């Protein structure tokens, strides 16, 4: 994905998965992470760490999808292979 970002800026990245449900008017942007779990790190802590690390990236992906689906609710999610779970990243701002 190469998308405009603010005045004179661009975001470059690869979105792992986009799901569009036209009946529900939802778009899910899923970023699949293979980061390893730290020693003693619980699933919840791993997911919180991934959100903190990748929140800006997911926000950029979400904003790009809002341009493609202006009327849809865009959800930003991080999926962790290590935890086998996902969590939603709230919009920034």
Foldseek 3Di string as FASTA:
>chain_A
DWADDPPPDIDDDDFPDWDADVVQLEIEGEDEDADDDDVPHDPVRVQVVCCVVCVVVQLVVQVVVCVVRVVGHYWYKYAYPNNRDIDTRDHDD
